[in-house]
Amino acid sequence: MSVPEWFEKAIKNKPLSRFVKVKGADIHYLVWGDISKPGLFLIHGYSAHAHWWDFIAPNFIDNYCVVAIDLSGMGDSDHRDSYSQSLYSLEIKSVCEELGWNSANFLAHSMGGPISIKAASLYPDLFESLFLLDAVVVVPPDKTRSFSSRNSMVRNNFIYEDFNAAVDSFRLIPPQPCKNEFLLKHIAEHSFKNTDEGWLLKSDASIMRSYEYEDLTEIFMDLKCPTYLVYGLMSQILSQEILEYTTYVGNLPEERVVGIAGAMHHIFIDEPLVFVKEIKKLLK
């Protein structure tokens, strides 16, 4: 497997690993760069973790201190009995408070998108800007039923006898081909934990059995911070209809909506260098 120089250079920049206690759970987060610089806060999607950003975050440390959270139930954060958008919002706020940040710019992928919308409504002063990354945050009324089912996201725990077998089993959700296999391998290597039974995904398999979410339409219409939408032109979840509805409800001007060619739902895995370039351009 050929590994490009830019990737090797990025992951040599090791982040600091920290924890903060939130409502009885230890919440893990990673920090790159000088904490005195403006904040860039990265929020992962469902069943993901902070190390998904290992090859993205170092590209921004010249101008920002970059932080990536492990939402509870995922990564190296504790699991809970139940999960909600409001609770995840509090975890995000708590990390910012631990860092001494009064505000930051936020990048939120997939499930992190609606969570960040809820957080921005609860803590508006915290959000200087919000970048939704291929995230479905509102859906047309006639499509609500098809998006309300969690069954497709509930999974069983699989135990693997050895680490290599676990890594080889790793797949993206929703499923898609991955042309940058070295990125997938890096993410997979941080996705499993060793237990008495064998190697198990760190992500809590029961999240979607208790996860509380809400209709964000009115919140999204009244969001106070500048909001951007960056998506894959081949996204499996952000159809043209949902894209148009999102830009309409959020009143997003054309210059704040960017489609990345050659990318599906996992845009910064599919086209990492293009993704970094576009985000830097928008941040300016």
Protein backbone atom coordinates (compact mmCIF):
# COMPACT_ATOMS: atom_id res chain seq x y z
CA MET A 1 0.00 0.00 0.00
CA SER A 2 1.56 3.26 -1.17
CA VAL A 3 1.53 6.01 1.46
CA PRO A 4 2.02 9.62 0.22
CA GLU A 5 4.48 11.99 1.82
CA TRP A 6 1.81 14.50 2.89
CA PHE A 7 0.11 11.82 5.01
CA GLU A 8 3.33 10.69 6.70
CA LYS A 9 4.17 14.31 7.49
CA ALA A 10 0.70 14.97 8.93
CA ILE A 11 0.56 12.02 11.31
CA LYS A 12 4.04 12.75 12.65
CA ASN A 13 2.40 15.76 14.28
CA LYS A 14 1.10 13.96 17.36
CA PRO A 15 -1.75 15.57 19.32
CA LEU A 16 -2.04 15.85 23.08
CA SER A 17 -4.57 13.44 24.58
CA ARG A 18 -6.86 14.84 27.29
CA PHE A 19 -10.03 14.01 29.22
CA VAL A 20 -12.79 16.06 30.84
CA LYS A 21 -15.59 14.73 33.07
CA VAL A 22 -19.11 15.47 31.80
CA LYS A 23 -22.20 14.17 33.59
CA GLY A 24 -20.30 11.25 35.08
CA ALA A 25 -18.46 10.23 31.88
CA ASP A 26 -14.83 10.80 30.90
CA ILE A 27 -14.83 12.56 27.54
CA HIS A 28 -11.64 12.22 25.52
CA TYR A 29 -10.30 14.83 23.12
CA LEU A 30 -7.15 15.54 21.10
CA VAL A 31 -5.32 18.87 20.82
CA TRP A 32 -2.96 19.98 18.03
CA GLY A 33 -0.98 23.21 18.06
CA ASP A 34 -0.77 26.30 20.25
CA ILE A 35 -3.74 26.56 22.60
CA SER A 36 -3.50 30.37 22.57
CA LYS A 37 -4.45 30.51 18.86
CA PRO A 38 -8.06 30.73 17.63
CA GLY A 39 -9.98 27.49 18.05
CA LEU A 40 -10.95 25.03 15.33
CA PHE A 41 -13.17 22.31 16.80
CA LEU A 42 -13.73 19.03 14.89
CA ILE A 43 -16.76 16.80 15.50
CA HIS A 44 -16.92 13.28 14.06
CA GLY A 45 -19.91 11.30 12.84
CA TYR A 46 -21.65 8.15 14.01
CA SER A 47 -19.43 5.30 15.23
CA ALA A 48 -16.33 7.39 14.48
CA HIS A 49 -13.72 9.06 16.72
CA ALA A 50 -11.21 11.88 17.07
CA HIS A 51 -8.43 10.07 15.20
CA TRP A 52 -10.41 10.35 11.97
CA TRP A 53 -8.93 13.87 11.90
CA ASP A 54 -5.26 12.90 12.43
CA PHE A 55 -4.34 13.64 8.82
CA ILE A 56 -6.58 16.73 8.55
CA ALA A 57 -5.96 18.69 11.77
CA PRO A 58 -2.19 19.37 11.34
CA ASN A 59 -2.92 21.26 8.11
CA PHE A 60 -4.53 24.07 10.13
CA ILE A 61 -2.13 24.58 13.06
CA ASP A 62 -0.33 27.53 11.51
CA ASN A 63 -3.40 29.62 12.25
CA TYR A 64 -5.45 27.60 14.72
CA CYS A 65 -5.36 25.39 17.75
CA VAL A 66 -7.24 22.33 16.53
CA VAL A 67 -9.30 20.08 18.80
CA ALA A 68 -11.13 16.85 18.00
CA ILE A 69 -13.58 15.29 20.44
CA ASP A 70 -14.60 11.67 21.07
CA LEU A 71 -18.32 11.99 21.72
CA SER A 72 -19.48 9.69 24.52
CA GLY A 73 -20.01 6.12 23.41
CA MET A 74 -17.32 6.48 20.77
CA GLY A 75 -13.53 6.51 20.57
CA ASP A 76 -11.81 6.59 23.95
CA SER A 77 -14.70 8.32 25.76
CA ASP A 78 -16.88 6.45 28.24
CA HIS A 79 -20.11 4.78 27.21
CA ARG A 80 -23.44 5.92 28.67
CA ASP A 81 -26.81 4.29 29.32
CA SER A 82 -28.45 6.79 26.95
CA TYR A 83 -27.41 9.52 24.51
CA SER A 84 -28.93 12.75 23.19
CA GLN A 85 -28.14 15.81 21.11
CA SER A 86 -28.36 17.98 24.22
CA LEU A 87 -25.92 15.78 26.13
CA TYR A 88 -23.46 15.74 23.22
CA SER A 89 -23.80 19.54 23.06
CA LEU A 90 -22.81 19.77 26.70
CA GLU A 91 -19.76 17.58 26.04
CA ILE A 92 -18.68 19.97 23.27
CA LYS A 93 -19.18 22.99 25.50
CA SER A 94 -17.30 21.32 28.37
CA VAL A 95 -14.24 20.68 26.21
CA CYS A 96 -14.24 24.34 25.16
CA GLU A 97 -14.48 25.43 28.79
CA GLU A 98 -11.62 23.10 29.73
CA LEU A 99 -9.51 24.78 27.05
CA GLY A 100 -10.54 28.28 28.15
CA TRP A 101 -12.25 28.96 24.82
CA ASN A 102 -15.09 31.47 24.70
CA SER A 103 -15.69 30.71 21.03
CA ALA A 104 -14.38 28.62 18.12
CA ASN A 105 -14.97 27.62 14.52
CA PHE A 106 -16.63 24.20 14.21
CA LEU A 107 -16.37 21.49 11.55
CA ALA A 108 -18.98 18.75 11.97
CA HIS A 109 -19.25 15.62 9.82
CA SER A 110 -22.38 13.54 9.27
CA MET A 111 -24.16 12.86 12.61
CA GLY A 112 -21.94 15.59 14.10
CA GLY A 113 -23.86 18.08 11.93
CA PRO A 114 -27.23 17.95 13.69
CA ILE A 115 -25.45 17.68 17.05
CA SER A 116 -23.55 20.90 16.29
CA ILE A 117 -26.77 22.64 15.19
CA LYS A 118 -28.30 21.77 18.56
CA ALA A 119 -25.14 22.94 20.35
CA ALA A 120 -25.15 26.24 18.44
CA SER A 121 -28.76 26.84 19.52
CA LEU A 122 -27.96 26.12 23.18
CA TYR A 123 -24.63 27.98 23.28
CA PRO A 124 -24.80 30.57 20.47
CA ASP A 125 -21.87 32.66 21.73
CA LEU A 126 -19.60 29.62 21.43
CA PHE A 127 -19.95 29.37 17.64
CA GLU A 128 -17.99 31.80 15.48
CA SER A 129 -18.83 29.70 12.44
CA LEU A 130 -20.16 26.24 11.64
CA PHE A 131 -19.17 24.00 8.73
CA LEU A 132 -21.58 21.15 8.06
CA LEU A 133 -19.71 18.35 6.30
CA ASP A 134 -22.03 16.16 4.24
CA ALA A 135 -24.53 16.28 7.10
CA VAL A 136 -28.30 15.86 6.86
CA VAL A 137 -29.69 18.33 9.39
CA VAL A 138 -33.20 18.88 8.01
CA VAL A 139 -35.33 16.86 5.60
CA PRO A 140 -38.42 17.73 3.57
CA PRO A 141 -41.63 16.88 5.49
CA ASP A 142 -42.55 14.11 3.04
CA LYS A 143 -39.16 12.43 3.62
CA THR A 144 -39.25 12.49 7.43
CA ARG A 145 -40.53 8.93 7.80
CA SER A 146 -37.73 7.41 5.72
CA PHE A 147 -35.10 9.26 7.79
CA SER A 148 -36.64 8.53 11.20
CA SER A 149 -35.72 4.85 11.30
CA ARG A 150 -32.60 4.00 13.29
CA ASN A 151 -32.64 0.30 12.38
CA SER A 152 -30.04 0.68 9.66
CA MET A 153 -27.60 2.18 12.20
CA VAL A 154 -28.10 -0.35 15.00
CA ARG A 155 -25.39 -3.00 14.86
CA ASN A 156 -24.25 -6.09 16.72
CA ASN A 157 -20.91 -6.42 18.48
CA PHE A 158 -18.40 -8.59 16.64
CA ILE A 159 -15.39 -10.03 18.42
CA TYR A 160 -12.15 -10.59 16.49
CA GLU A 161 -9.43 -12.94 17.65
CA ASP A 162 -6.56 -10.67 16.69
CA PHE A 163 -5.92 -7.01 15.91
CA ASN A 164 -5.15 -7.52 12.20
CA ALA A 165 -8.41 -9.37 11.63
CA ALA A 166 -10.27 -6.52 13.34
CA VAL A 167 -8.56 -3.87 11.20
CA ASP A 168 -9.22 -5.85 8.01
CA SER A 169 -12.91 -6.02 8.90
CA PHE A 170 -13.34 -2.26 9.22
CA ARG A 171 -15.90 -0.64 6.92
CA LEU A 172 -17.28 2.88 6.52
CA ILE A 173 -20.88 3.72 7.44
CA PRO A 174 -22.73 4.22 5.14
CA PRO A 175 -20.82 1.71 2.99
CA GLN A 176 -18.73 3.08 0.15
CA PRO A 177 -15.55 2.23 -1.73
CA CYS A 178 -12.38 3.91 -0.49
CA LYS A 179 -9.66 4.83 -2.95
CA ASN A 180 -7.32 5.97 -0.16
CA GLU A 181 -6.90 2.64 1.63
CA PHE A 182 -4.01 3.96 3.76
CA LEU A 183 -6.44 6.44 5.38
CA LEU A 184 -8.98 3.72 6.06
CA LYS A 185 -6.27 1.56 7.63
CA HIS A 186 -5.10 4.42 9.86
CA ILE A 187 -8.65 5.05 11.07
CA ALA A 188 -9.26 1.34 11.62
CA GLU A 189 -6.12 1.00 13.73
CA HIS A 190 -7.64 3.47 16.21
CA SER A 191 -11.15 1.98 16.12
CA PHE A 192 -10.79 -1.20 18.21
CA LYS A 193 -10.06 -2.08 21.84
CA ASN A 194 -8.68 -5.28 23.33
CA THR A 195 -11.08 -7.06 25.71
CA ASP A 196 -11.03 -10.39 27.53
CA GLU A 197 -13.07 -11.88 24.67
CA GLY A 198 -11.00 -10.37 21.86
CA TRP A 199 -10.86 -7.20 19.74
CA LEU A 200 -14.04 -5.11 19.72
CA LEU A 201 -15.07 -1.82 18.11
CA LYS A 202 -14.74 1.04 20.60
CA SER A 203 -18.07 2.48 19.44
CA ASP A 204 -21.06 1.55 21.62
CA ALA A 205 -23.29 -0.71 19.53
CA SER A 206 -26.37 0.41 21.47
CA ILE A 207 -26.15 4.17 20.80
CA MET A 208 -29.04 4.23 18.36
CA ARG A 209 -31.31 2.30 20.71
CA SER A 210 -31.47 5.29 23.07
CA TYR A 211 -30.27 8.31 21.07
CA GLU A 212 -32.62 11.29 21.44
CA TYR A 213 -32.80 13.69 18.54
CA GLU A 214 -35.27 16.34 17.44
CA ASP A 215 -36.58 18.24 14.45
CA LEU A 216 -34.04 21.03 13.95
CA THR A 217 -35.92 22.96 11.25
CA GLU A 218 -36.83 26.02 13.34
CA ILE A 219 -33.44 26.04 15.06
CA PHE A 220 -31.63 25.88 11.72
CA MET A 221 -33.74 28.73 10.34
CA ASP A 222 -32.70 30.94 13.25
CA LEU A 223 -29.04 29.99 13.64
CA LYS A 224 -26.93 33.00 14.63
CA CYS A 225 -23.48 31.98 13.37
CA PRO A 226 -22.28 31.95 9.74
CA THR A 227 -23.03 28.44 8.45
CA TYR A 228 -21.43 26.59 5.55
CA LEU A 229 -22.24 23.32 3.83
CA VAL A 230 -19.43 21.27 2.29
CA TYR A 231 -20.52 18.01 0.68
CA GLY A 232 -19.48 15.27 -1.70
CA LEU A 233 -20.91 15.57 -5.18
CA MET A 234 -21.37 11.79 -5.10
CA SER A 235 -22.77 11.68 -1.55
CA GLN A 236 -24.98 8.70 -0.79
CA ILE A 237 -27.09 10.63 1.74
CA LEU A 238 -27.20 14.25 0.60
CA SER A 239 -29.46 13.98 -2.43
CA GLN A 240 -30.15 16.98 -4.65
CA GLU A 241 -33.57 17.36 -3.04
CA ILE A 242 -32.16 17.38 0.50
CA LEU A 243 -29.32 19.68 -0.57
CA GLU A 244 -31.79 22.22 -1.97
CA TYR A 245 -34.04 21.95 1.08
CA THR A 246 -31.07 22.43 3.43
CA THR A 247 -29.84 25.55 1.66
CA TYR A 248 -33.39 26.92 1.57
CA VAL A 249 -34.21 26.32 5.26
CA GLY A 250 -30.78 27.52 6.42
CA ASN A 251 -30.85 30.47 4.02
CA LEU A 252 -27.33 29.56 2.92
CA PRO A 253 -25.90 31.85 0.23
CA GLU A 254 -24.36 30.20 -2.80
CA GLU A 255 -20.80 31.05 -1.77
CA ARG A 256 -21.23 29.08 1.47
CA VAL A 257 -22.22 25.84 -0.26
CA VAL A 258 -19.33 23.85 -1.74
CA GLY A 259 -19.50 20.50 -3.50
CA ILE A 260 -16.32 18.45 -3.75
CA ALA A 261 -15.89 16.46 -6.95
CA GLY A 262 -14.86 12.83 -6.63
CA ALA A 263 -16.10 12.63 -3.03
CA MET A 264 -18.89 10.58 -1.52
CA HIS A 265 -20.18 10.96 2.05
CA HIS A 266 -16.76 10.70 3.70
CA ILE A 267 -15.40 13.74 1.90
CA PHE A 268 -12.16 14.23 3.84
CA ILE A 269 -11.25 10.57 3.31
CA ASP A 270 -12.13 10.61 -0.38
CA GLU A 271 -10.47 13.94 -1.22
CA PRO A 272 -8.42 15.05 1.82
CA LEU A 273 -6.19 17.60 0.09
CA VAL A 274 -9.06 19.22 -1.81
CA PHE A 275 -11.08 19.25 1.40
CA VAL A 276 -8.33 21.07 3.32
CA LYS A 277 -7.91 23.59 0.51
CA GLU A 278 -11.64 24.37 0.38
CA ILE A 279 -12.01 24.71 4.16
CA LYS A 280 -9.02 27.04 4.34
CA LYS A 281 -10.52 29.16 1.59
CA LEU A 282 -13.86 29.38 3.41
CA LEU A 283 -12.25 30.12 6.78
CA LYS A 284 -10.66 33.23 5.28
